[in-house]
Protein backbone atom coordinates (compact mmCIF):
# COMPACT_ATOMS: atom_id res chain seq x y z
CA MET A 1 -76.74 81.27 36.20
CA GLU A 2 -78.29 78.15 37.71
CA PHE A 3 -81.68 79.38 36.57
CA VAL A 4 -80.54 79.52 32.94
CA SER A 5 -78.92 76.11 33.12
CA ASP A 6 -82.12 74.62 34.60
CA VAL A 7 -84.71 76.42 32.47
CA LEU A 8 -82.96 76.42 29.09
CA PRO A 9 -82.95 72.62 28.65
CA MET A 10 -86.64 72.51 29.64
CA LEU A 11 -87.43 75.18 27.02
CA TYR A 12 -85.51 73.18 24.40
CA TYR A 13 -87.50 70.06 25.28
CA ILE A 14 -90.81 71.92 25.20
CA PHE A 15 -90.01 73.53 21.83
CA GLY A 16 -88.79 70.19 20.52
CA ILE A 17 -92.03 68.48 21.56
CA ILE A 18 -94.09 71.28 19.98
CA LEU A 19 -92.06 71.03 16.77
CA PHE A 20 -92.49 67.25 16.74
CA ILE A 21 -96.28 67.57 17.15
CA VAL A 22 -96.46 70.18 14.38
CA LEU A 23 -94.43 67.94 12.05
CA ILE A 24 -96.73 64.99 12.78
CA ILE A 25 -99.80 67.12 11.98
CA LEU A 26 -98.19 68.37 8.74
CA GLY A 27 -97.30 64.78 7.79
CA ILE A 28 -100.89 63.63 8.33
CA ARG A 29 -102.20 66.54 6.24
CA ALA A 30 -99.70 65.75 3.47
CA ILE A 31 -100.83 62.10 3.43
CA GLN A 32 -104.48 63.18 3.20
CA MET A 33 -103.68 65.57 0.38
CA LEU A 34 -101.81 62.84 -1.53
CA ASP A 35 -104.79 60.49 -1.10
CA ARG A 36 -107.12 63.13 -2.55
CA ALA A 37 -104.73 63.74 -5.46
CA GLU A 38 -104.54 59.99 -6.12
CA ARG A 39 -108.35 59.72 -6.20
CA LEU A 40 -108.55 62.69 -8.56
CA LEU A 41 -105.94 61.24 -10.92
CA SER A 42 -107.64 57.86 -10.85
CA ASN A 43 -110.95 59.50 -11.74
CA MET A 44 -109.32 61.42 -14.60
CA GLU A 45 -107.66 58.24 -15.86
CA ASP A 46 -111.03 56.46 -15.93
CA LYS A 47 -112.57 59.31 -17.90
CA VAL A 48 -109.71 59.33 -20.40
CA ASN A 49 -109.95 55.56 -20.84
CA THR A 50 -113.61 55.92 -21.82
CA LEU A 51 -112.45 58.03 -24.78
CA ASN A 52 -110.04 55.38 -26.10
CA GLY A 53 -112.76 53.85 -28.30
CA LEU A 54 -113.47 57.21 -29.89
CA PHE A 55 -109.78 57.83 -30.52
CA SER A 56 -109.36 54.40 -32.16
CA VAL A 57 -112.31 55.09 -34.48
CA ILE A 58 -110.82 58.46 -35.42
CA ASN A 59 -107.43 56.83 -36.01
CA LYS A 60 -108.91 54.13 -38.28
CA THR A 61 -110.88 56.75 -40.20
CA THR A 62 -107.85 58.94 -40.82
CA ASN A 63 -105.80 55.92 -41.88
CA SER A 64 -108.43 54.87 -44.41
CA ILE A 65 -108.79 58.43 -45.74
CA ASP A 66 -105.00 58.60 -46.10
CA LEU A 67 -104.95 55.28 -47.97
CA ILE A 68 -107.74 56.37 -50.33
CA SER A 69 -106.17 59.76 -51.00
CA SER A 70 -102.77 58.16 -51.67
CA ARG A 71 -104.30 55.78 -54.22
CA VAL A 72 -106.27 58.57 -55.93
CA ILE A 73 -103.21 60.81 -56.11
CA GLY A 74 -101.13 57.89 -57.38
CA ALA A 75 -103.67 57.20 -60.13
CA ILE A 76 -103.77 60.88 -61.14
CA ILE A 77 -99.97 61.05 -61.25
CA GLY A 78 -99.90 57.86 -63.36
CA ILE A 79 -102.35 59.35 -65.86
CA VAL A 80 -100.39 62.60 -66.07
CA GLU A 81 -97.13 60.71 -66.61
CA LYS A 82 -98.69 58.66 -69.42
CA ILE A 83 -99.94 61.82 -71.10
CA PHE A 84 -96.53 63.50 -70.96
CA LYS A 85 -94.73 60.31 -72.11
CA ARG A 86 -96.95 60.13 -75.18
CA LYS A 87 -96.29 63.78 -75.98
CA LYS A 88 -92.52 63.25 -75.61
CA GLU A 89 -92.63 60.14 -77.81
CA ASP A 90 -94.71 62.00 -80.43
CA ASP A 91 -92.25 64.90 -80.35
CA THR A 92 -89.18 62.66 -80.76
CA ASN A 93 -90.70 60.68 -83.63
CA GLU A 94 -91.43 63.74 -85.72
């Protein structure tokens, strides 16, 4: 019984120290992995930022095309309305 009471605490301490060392190693690996992920994300962010100029040009182009098409459609609708108003006025006068 004395053997168990002497050896068991030593085993607990040894396993505790081993667990502590393993946790330190895992923590260091996790920090290294997070650093690599941060570098990767920073690199991706730089590459995406280089495309911002292209996206702004595309946005301006689509806005101008939308403005032109809205004006053309508005003019066509105005002409069609004038044609139908004249026909209605001609029909009511007769």
